[in-house]
Amino acid sequence: MSYRITLEIPDKAFSILRNRPDKFARELLEAALCKWYEQGKISQSKAAEIAEISRYEFLEILKKHDVNPFQYTPSDLDAEVNL
């Protein structure tokens, strides 16, 4: 199942960003997935599933957006080291 969401974006936004509407929509989805992953709301696997790409491809998107692929806090690392 999927849902269609309609956003009204001025035409000049596409020319400023030098993107076609379909490419803009894809970049918007990728940016949202990266942010949700960074916030710990979704996993890499779930993000890849939503984007209909492989996990490896999602890792490349994280790299493009300068998002660290490792979701460890200092306390997580400390707990793991002190097992």
PDB file of N, CA and C in Angstrom:
ATOM      1  N   MET A   1       0.838  -1.169   0.000  1.00  0.00           N
ATOM      2  CA  MET A   1       0.000   0.000   0.000  1.00  0.00           C
ATOM      3  C   MET A   1       0.889   1.240   0.000  1.00  0.00           C
ATOM      4  N   SER A   2       0.462   2.249  -0.687  1.00  0.00           N
ATOM      5  CA  SER A   2       1.176   3.521  -0.672  1.00  0.00           C
ATOM      6  C   SER A   2       0.159   4.651  -0.700  1.00  0.00           C
ATOM      7  N   TYR A   3       0.615   5.812  -0.302  1.00  0.00           N
ATOM      8  CA  TYR A   3      -0.231   7.001  -0.259  1.00  0.00           C
ATOM      9  C   TYR A   3       0.402   8.082  -1.110  1.00  0.00           C
ATOM     10  N   ARG A   4      -0.420   8.900  -1.704  1.00  0.00           N
ATOM     11  CA  ARG A   4       0.069  10.029  -2.488  1.00  0.00           C
ATOM     12  C   ARG A   4      -0.127  11.276  -1.641  1.00  0.00           C
ATOM     13  N   ILE A   5       0.949  12.051  -1.477  1.00  0.00           N
ATOM     14  CA  ILE A   5       0.896  13.301  -0.737  1.00  0.00           C
ATOM     15  C   ILE A   5       1.176  14.419  -1.733  1.00  0.00           C
ATOM     16  N   THR A   6       0.347  15.420  -1.727  1.00  0.00           N
ATOM     17  CA  THR A   6       0.507  16.535  -2.653  1.00  0.00           C
ATOM     18  C   THR A   6       1.065  17.739  -1.915  1.00  0.00           C
ATOM     19  N   LEU A   7       2.154  18.278  -2.431  1.00  0.00           N
ATOM     20  CA  LEU A   7       2.760  19.487  -1.885  1.00  0.00           C
ATOM     21  C   LEU A   7       2.720  20.564  -2.948  1.00  0.00           C
ATOM     22  N   GLU A   8       2.404  21.771  -2.546  1.00  0.00           N
ATOM     23  CA  GLU A   8       2.445  22.882  -3.485  1.00  0.00           C
ATOM     24  C   GLU A   8       3.790  23.581  -3.338  1.00  0.00           C
ATOM     25  N   ILE A   9       4.580  23.507  -4.386  1.00  0.00           N
ATOM     26  CA  ILE A   9       5.918  24.097  -4.401  1.00  0.00           C
ATOM     27  C   ILE A   9       5.986  25.038  -5.594  1.00  0.00           C
ATOM     28  N   PRO A  10       6.377  26.291  -5.355  1.00  0.00           N
ATOM     29  CA  PRO A  10       6.433  27.256  -6.463  1.00  0.00           C
ATOM     30  C   PRO A  10       7.378  26.791  -7.572  1.00  0.00           C
ATOM     31  N   ASP A  11       7.018  27.095  -8.806  1.00  0.00           N
ATOM     32  CA  ASP A  11       7.844  26.739  -9.959  1.00  0.00           C
ATOM     33  C   ASP A  11       9.281  27.223  -9.819  1.00  0.00           C
ATOM     34  N   LYS A  12       9.460  28.419  -9.261  1.00  0.00           N
ATOM     35  CA  LYS A  12      10.809  28.970  -9.172  1.00  0.00           C
ATOM     36  C   LYS A  12      11.715  28.142  -8.261  1.00  0.00           C
ATOM     37  N   ALA A  13      11.136  27.349  -7.361  1.00  0.00           N
ATOM     38  CA  ALA A  13      11.966  26.485  -6.504  1.00  0.00           C
ATOM     39  C   ALA A  13      12.734  25.479  -7.354  1.00  0.00           C
ATOM     40  N   PHE A  14      12.123  24.980  -8.395  1.00  0.00           N
ATOM     41  CA  PHE A  14      12.787  23.997  -9.260  1.00  0.00           C
ATOM     42  C   PHE A  14      13.917  24.635 -10.066  1.00  0.00           C
ATOM     43  N   SER A  15      13.700  25.853 -10.526  1.00  0.00           N
ATOM     44  CA  SER A  15      14.759  26.503 -11.287  1.00  0.00           C
ATOM     45  C   SER A  15      15.913  26.918 -10.377  1.00  0.00           C
ATOM     46  N   ILE A  16      15.612  27.349  -9.163  1.00  0.00           N
ATOM     47  CA  ILE A  16      16.662  27.723  -8.215  1.00  0.00           C
ATOM     48  C   ILE A  16      17.502  26.494  -7.870  1.00  0.00           C
ATOM     49  N   LEU A  17      16.843  25.366  -7.635  1.00  0.00           N
ATOM     50  CA  LEU A  17      17.543  24.138  -7.266  1.00  0.00           C
ATOM     51  C   LEU A  17      18.035  23.368  -8.484  1.00  0.00           C
ATOM     52  N   ARG A  18      17.666  23.840  -9.670  1.00  0.00           N
ATOM     53  CA  ARG A  18      18.053  23.190 -10.927  1.00  0.00           C
ATOM     54  C   ARG A  18      17.638  21.718 -10.950  1.00  0.00           C
ATOM     55  N   ASN A  19      16.383  21.494 -10.590  1.00  0.00           N
ATOM     56  CA  ASN A  19      15.841  20.133 -10.547  1.00  0.00           C
ATOM     57  C   ASN A  19      14.504  20.060 -11.257  1.00  0.00           C
ATOM     58  N   ARG A  20      14.238  18.905 -11.806  1.00  0.00           N
ATOM     59  CA  ARG A  20      12.910  18.612 -12.331  1.00  0.00           C
ATOM     60  C   ARG A  20      12.036  18.207 -11.145  1.00  0.00           C
ATOM     61  N   PRO A  21      10.732  18.360 -11.230  1.00  0.00           N
ATOM     62  CA  PRO A  21       9.860  17.989 -10.113  1.00  0.00           C
ATOM     63  C   PRO A  21      10.019  16.541  -9.649  1.00  0.00           C
ATOM     64  N   ASP A  22      10.207  15.595 -10.560  1.00  0.00           N
ATOM     65  CA  ASP A  22      10.348  14.194 -10.148  1.00  0.00           C
ATOM     66  C   ASP A  22      11.649  13.975  -9.370  1.00  0.00           C
ATOM     67  N   LYS A  23      12.722  14.634  -9.810  1.00  0.00           N
ATOM     68  CA  LYS A  23      13.996  14.510  -9.108  1.00  0.00           C
ATOM     69  C   LYS A  23      13.919  15.212  -7.749  1.00  0.00           C
ATOM     70  N   PHE A  24      13.261  16.353  -7.707  1.00  0.00           N
ATOM     71  CA  PHE A  24      13.067  17.081  -6.459  1.00  0.00           C
ATOM     72  C   PHE A  24      12.318  16.213  -5.448  1.00  0.00           C
ATOM     73  N   ALA A  25      11.263  15.543  -5.893  1.00  0.00           N
ATOM     74  CA  ALA A  25      10.477  14.674  -5.003  1.00  0.00           C
ATOM     75  C   ALA A  25      11.341  13.542  -4.449  1.00  0.00           C
ATOM     76  N   ARG A  26      12.183  12.979  -5.289  1.00  0.00           N
ATOM     77  CA  ARG A  26      13.071  11.899  -4.845  1.00  0.00           C
ATOM     78  C   ARG A  26      14.075  12.417  -3.807  1.00  0.00           C
ATOM     79  N   GLU A  27      14.654  13.582  -4.062  1.00  0.00           N
ATOM     80  CA  GLU A  27      15.604  14.164  -3.120  1.00  0.00           C
ATOM     81  C   GLU A  27      14.937  14.515  -1.794  1.00  0.00           C
ATOM     82  N   LEU A  28      13.701  14.949  -1.864  1.00  0.00           N
ATOM     83  CA  LEU A  28      12.941  15.259  -0.656  1.00  0.00           C
ATOM     84  C   LEU A  28      12.735  13.996   0.185  1.00  0.00           C
ATOM     85  N   LEU A  29      12.380  12.899  -0.466  1.00  0.00           N
ATOM     86  CA  LEU A  29      12.213  11.625   0.228  1.00  0.00           C
ATOM     87  C   LEU A  29      13.533  11.175   0.856  1.00  0.00           C
ATOM     88  N   GLU A  30      14.609  11.243   0.092  1.00  0.00           N
ATOM     89  CA  GLU A  30      15.917  10.826   0.611  1.00  0.00           C
ATOM     90  C   GLU A  30      16.338  11.675   1.804  1.00  0.00           C
ATOM     91  N   ALA A  31      16.109  12.980   1.740  1.00  0.00           N
ATOM     92  CA  ALA A  31      16.470  13.871   2.850  1.00  0.00           C
ATOM     93  C   ALA A  31      15.660  13.522   4.099  1.00  0.00           C
ATOM     94  N   ALA A  32      14.384  13.250   3.916  1.00  0.00           N
ATOM     95  CA  ALA A  32      13.541  12.874   5.056  1.00  0.00           C
ATOM     96  C   ALA A  32      14.019  11.561   5.669  1.00  0.00           C
ATOM     97  N   LEU A  33      14.325  10.582   4.838  1.00  0.00           N
ATOM     98  CA  LEU A  33      14.799   9.293   5.346  1.00  0.00           C
ATOM     99  C   LEU A  33      16.116   9.445   6.101  1.00  0.00           C
ATOM    100  N   CYS A  34      17.020  10.260   5.570  1.00  0.00           N
ATOM    101  CA  CYS A  34      18.297  10.503   6.256  1.00  0.00           C
ATOM    102  C   CYS A  34      18.059  11.141   7.619  1.00  0.00           C
ATOM    103  N   LYS A  35      17.185  12.117   7.679  1.00  0.00           N
ATOM    104  CA  LYS A  35      16.909  12.798   8.943  1.00  0.00           C
ATOM    105  C   LYS A  35      16.261  11.841   9.938  1.00  0.00           C
ATOM    106  N   TRP A  36      15.312  11.056   9.492  1.00  0.00           N
ATOM    107  CA  TRP A  36      14.648  10.100  10.395  1.00  0.00           C
ATOM    108  C   TRP A  36      15.635   9.053  10.891  1.00  0.00           C
ATOM    109  N   TYR A  37      16.540   8.631  10.018  1.00  0.00           N
ATOM    110  CA  TYR A  37      17.568   7.680  10.433  1.00  0.00           C
ATOM    111  C   TYR A  37      18.486   8.332  11.468  1.00  0.00           C
ATOM    112  N   GLU A  38      18.912   9.557  11.190  1.00  0.00           N
ATOM    113  CA  GLU A  38      19.803  10.285  12.092  1.00  0.00           C
ATOM    114  C   GLU A  38      19.160  10.471  13.469  1.00  0.00           C
ATOM    115  N   GLN A  39      17.859  10.652  13.501  1.00  0.00           N
ATOM    116  CA  GLN A  39      17.128  10.830  14.760  1.00  0.00           C
ATOM    117  C   GLN A  39      16.823   9.503  15.453  1.00  0.00           C
ATOM    118  N   GLY A  40      17.157   8.394  14.793  1.00  0.00           N
ATOM    119  CA  GLY A  40      16.900   7.083  15.380  1.00  0.00           C
ATOM    120  C   GLY A  40      15.464   6.614  15.246  1.00  0.00           C
ATOM    121  N   LYS A  41      14.699   7.238  14.360  1.00  0.00           N
ATOM    122  CA  LYS A  41      13.288   6.878  14.171  1.00  0.00           C
ATOM    123  C   LYS A  41      13.116   5.655  13.286  1.00  0.00           C
ATOM    124  N   ILE A  42      14.056   5.429  12.371  1.00  0.00           N
ATOM    125  CA  ILE A  42      13.996   4.275  11.480  1.00  0.00           C
ATOM    126  C   ILE A  42      15.388   3.670  11.345  1.00  0.00           C
ATOM    127  N   SER A  43      15.425   2.418  10.940  1.00  0.00           N
ATOM    128  CA  SER A  43      16.692   1.721  10.708  1.00  0.00           C
ATOM    129  C   SER A  43      17.135   1.918   9.258  1.00  0.00           C
ATOM    130  N   GLN A  44      18.377   1.524   8.995  1.00  0.00           N
ATOM    131  CA  GLN A  44      18.860   1.567   7.611  1.00  0.00           C
ATOM    132  C   GLN A  44      18.017   0.676   6.722  1.00  0.00           C
ATOM    133  N   SER A  45      17.681  -0.492   7.234  1.00  0.00           N
ATOM    134  CA  SER A  45      16.889  -1.442   6.444  1.00  0.00           C
ATOM    135  C   SER A  45      15.515  -0.882   6.121  1.00  0.00           C
ATOM    136  N   LYS A  46      14.866  -0.247   7.115  1.00  0.00           N
ATOM    137  CA  LYS A  46      13.530   0.314   6.890  1.00  0.00           C
ATOM    138  C   LYS A  46      13.603   1.483   5.907  1.00  0.00           C
ATOM    139  N   ALA A  47      14.631   2.312   6.032  1.00  0.00           N
ATOM    140  CA  ALA A  47      14.794   3.434   5.103  1.00  0.00           C
ATOM    141  C   ALA A  47      14.979   2.929   3.678  1.00  0.00           C
ATOM    142  N   ALA A  48      15.808   1.908   3.527  1.00  0.00           N
ATOM    143  CA  ALA A  48      16.033   1.330   2.196  1.00  0.00           C
ATOM    144  C   ALA A  48      14.745   0.742   1.634  1.00  0.00           C
ATOM    145  N   GLU A  49      13.995   0.102   2.498  1.00  0.00           N
ATOM    146  CA  GLU A  49      12.710  -0.484   2.063  1.00  0.00           C
ATOM    147  C   GLU A  49      11.753   0.609   1.589  1.00  0.00           C
ATOM    148  N   ILE A  50      11.651   1.684   2.358  1.00  0.00           N
ATOM    149  CA  ILE A  50      10.755   2.792   1.984  1.00  0.00           C
ATOM    150  C   ILE A  50      11.186   3.398   0.652  1.00  0.00           C
ATOM    151  N   ALA A  51      12.493   3.561   0.468  1.00  0.00           N
ATOM    152  CA  ALA A  51      13.017   4.162  -0.768  1.00  0.00           C
ATOM    153  C   ALA A  51      13.063   3.175  -1.928  1.00  0.00           C
ATOM    154  N   GLU A  52      12.785   1.903  -1.639  1.00  0.00           N
ATOM    155  CA  GLU A  52      12.822   0.843  -2.648  1.00  0.00           C
ATOM    156  C   GLU A  52      14.212   0.735  -3.286  1.00  0.00           C
ATOM    157  N   ILE A  53      15.225   0.725  -2.403  1.00  0.00           N
ATOM    158  CA  ILE A  53      16.613   0.570  -2.822  1.00  0.00           C
ATOM    159  C   ILE A  53      17.286  -0.427  -1.885  1.00  0.00           C
ATOM    160  N   SER A  54      18.521  -0.791  -2.200  1.00  0.00           N
ATOM    161  CA  SER A  54      19.258  -1.694  -1.315  1.00  0.00           C
ATOM    162  C   SER A  54      19.791  -0.917  -0.110  1.00  0.00           C
ATOM    163  N   ARG A  55      20.161  -1.641   0.914  1.00  0.00           N
ATOM    164  CA  ARG A  55      20.750  -1.003   2.096  1.00  0.00           C
ATOM    165  C   ARG A  55      22.068  -0.328   1.713  1.00  0.00           C
ATOM    166  N   TYR A  56      22.833  -0.958   0.847  1.00  0.00           N
ATOM    167  CA  TYR A  56      24.079  -0.356   0.369  1.00  0.00           C
ATOM    168  C   TYR A  56      23.806   0.995  -0.296  1.00  0.00           C
ATOM    169  N   GLU A  57      22.777   1.056  -1.128  1.00  0.00           N
ATOM    170  CA  GLU A  57      22.437   2.319  -1.788  1.00  0.00           C
ATOM    171  C   GLU A  57      22.025   3.374  -0.764  1.00  0.00           C
ATOM    172  N   PHE A  58      21.322   2.944   0.307  1.00  0.00           N
ATOM    173  CA  PHE A  58      20.958   3.906   1.346  1.00  0.00           C
ATOM    174  C   PHE A  58      22.206   4.422   2.063  1.00  0.00           C
ATOM    175  N   LEU A  59      23.189   3.553   2.283  1.00  0.00           N
ATOM    176  CA  LEU A  59      24.448   4.002   2.898  1.00  0.00           C
ATOM    177  C   LEU A  59      25.116   5.070   2.033  1.00  0.00           C
ATOM    178  N   GLU A  60      25.028   4.927   0.721  1.00  0.00           N
ATOM    179  CA  GLU A  60      25.581   5.934  -0.187  1.00  0.00           C
ATOM    180  C   GLU A  60      24.826   7.260  -0.050  1.00  0.00           C
ATOM    181  N   ILE A  61      23.525   7.188   0.146  1.00  0.00           N
ATOM    182  CA  ILE A  61      22.722   8.402   0.334  1.00  0.00           C
ATOM    183  C   ILE A  61      23.108   9.075   1.653  1.00  0.00           C
ATOM    184  N   LEU A  62      23.314   8.274   2.709  1.00  0.00           N
ATOM    185  CA  LEU A  62      23.763   8.845   3.980  1.00  0.00           C
ATOM    186  C   LEU A  62      25.075   9.587   3.786  1.00  0.00           C
ATOM    187  N   LYS A  63      25.975   8.986   3.036  1.00  0.00           N
ATOM    188  CA  LYS A  63      27.277   9.605   2.765  1.00  0.00           C
ATOM    189  C   LYS A  63      27.088  10.930   2.036  1.00  0.00           C
ATOM    190  N   LYS A  64      26.224  10.939   1.037  1.00  0.00           N
ATOM    191  CA  LYS A  64      25.957  12.144   0.251  1.00  0.00           C
ATOM    192  C   LYS A  64      25.427  13.280   1.135  1.00  0.00           C
ATOM    193  N   HIS A  65      24.662  12.902   2.169  1.00  0.00           N
ATOM    194  CA  HIS A  65      24.058  13.894   3.070  1.00  0.00           C
ATOM    195  C   HIS A  65      24.876  14.111   4.347  1.00  0.00           C
ATOM    196  N   ASP A  66      26.088  13.568   4.377  1.00  0.00           N
ATOM    197  CA  ASP A  66      26.972  13.706   5.543  1.00  0.00           C
ATOM    198  C   ASP A  66      26.327  13.238   6.846  1.00  0.00           C
ATOM    199  N   VAL A  67      25.640  12.103   6.779  1.00  0.00           N
ATOM    200  CA  VAL A  67      25.025  11.509   7.969  1.00  0.00           C
ATOM    201  C   VAL A  67      25.830  10.271   8.347  1.00  0.00           C
ATOM    202  N   ASN A  68      26.243  10.213   9.591  1.00  0.00           N
ATOM    203  CA  ASN A  68      27.023   9.090  10.092  1.00  0.00           C
ATOM    204  C   ASN A  68      26.166   7.820  10.059  1.00  0.00           C
ATOM    205  N   PRO A  69      26.660   6.740   9.459  1.00  0.00           N
ATOM    206  CA  PRO A  69      25.872   5.508   9.384  1.00  0.00           C
ATOM    207  C   PRO A  69      25.807   4.744  10.712  1.00  0.00           C
ATOM    208  N   PHE A  70      26.592   5.163  11.687  1.00  0.00           N
ATOM    209  CA  PHE A  70      26.612   4.484  12.985  1.00  0.00           C
ATOM    210  C   PHE A  70      25.769   5.253  13.984  1.00  0.00           C
ATOM    211  N   GLN A  71      24.800   4.572  14.575  1.00  0.00           N
ATOM    212  CA  GLN A  71      23.907   5.209  15.534  1.00  0.00           C
ATOM    213  C   GLN A  71      24.296   4.836  16.964  1.00  0.00           C
ATOM    214  N   TYR A  72      25.480   5.188  17.355  1.00  0.00           N
ATOM    215  CA  TYR A  72      25.947   4.904  18.707  1.00  0.00           C
ATOM    216  C   TYR A  72      26.123   6.204  19.472  1.00  0.00           C
ATOM    217  N   THR A  73      25.608   6.228  20.691  1.00  0.00           N
ATOM    218  CA  THR A  73      25.864   7.346  21.585  1.00  0.00           C
ATOM    219  C   THR A  73      27.093   6.989  22.413  1.00  0.00           C
ATOM    220  N   PRO A  74      27.706   7.955  23.067  1.00  0.00           N
ATOM    221  CA  PRO A  74      28.839   7.630  23.934  1.00  0.00           C
ATOM    222  C   PRO A  74      28.489   6.588  25.003  1.00  0.00           C
ATOM    223  N   SER A  75      27.289   6.648  25.541  1.00  0.00           N
ATOM    224  CA  SER A  75      26.894   5.650  26.558  1.00  0.00           C
ATOM    225  C   SER A  75      26.718   4.265  25.927  1.00  0.00           C
ATOM    226  N   ASP A  76      26.251   4.191  24.683  1.00  0.00           N
ATOM    227  CA  ASP A  76      26.147   2.898  23.992  1.00  0.00           C
ATOM    228  C   ASP A  76      27.526   2.281  23.833  1.00  0.00           C
ATOM    229  N   LEU A  77      28.489   3.092  23.406  1.00  0.00           N
ATOM    230  CA  LEU A  77      29.854   2.600  23.226  1.00  0.00           C
ATOM    231  C   LEU A  77      30.454   2.141  24.554  1.00  0.00           C
ATOM    232  N   ASP A  78      30.232   2.937  25.606  1.00  0.00           N
ATOM    233  CA  ASP A  78      30.746   2.594  26.922  1.00  0.00           C
ATOM    234  C   ASP A  78      30.168   1.267  27.397  1.00  0.00           C
ATOM    235  N   ALA A  79      28.886   1.084  27.210  1.00  0.00           N
ATOM    236  CA  ALA A  79      28.234  -0.161  27.629  1.00  0.00           C
ATOM    237  C   ALA A  79      28.779  -1.343  26.852  1.00  0.00           C
ATOM    238  N   GLU A  80      29.042  -1.164  25.579  1.00  0.00           N
ATOM    239  CA  GLU A  80      29.557  -2.248  24.744  1.00  0.00           C
ATOM    240  C   GLU A  80      31.000  -2.599  25.104  1.00  0.00           C
ATOM    241  N   VAL A  81      31.797  -1.601  25.397  1.00  0.00           N
ATOM    242  CA  VAL A  81      33.198  -1.819  25.734  1.00  0.00           C
ATOM    243  C   VAL A  81      33.328  -2.499  27.097  1.00  0.00           C
ATOM    244  N   ASN A  82      32.435  -2.189  27.993  1.00  0.00           N
ATOM    245  CA  ASN A  82      32.486  -2.715  29.357  1.00  0.00           C
ATOM    246  C   ASN A  82      31.637  -3.954  29.547  1.00  0.00           C
ATOM    247  N   LEU A  83      31.487  -4.771  28.552  1.00  0.00           N
ATOM    248  CA  LEU A  83      30.702  -6.009  28.663  1.00  0.00           C
ATOM    249  C   LEU A  83      31.370  -7.026  29.525  1.00  0.00           C
TER     250      LEU A  83
END
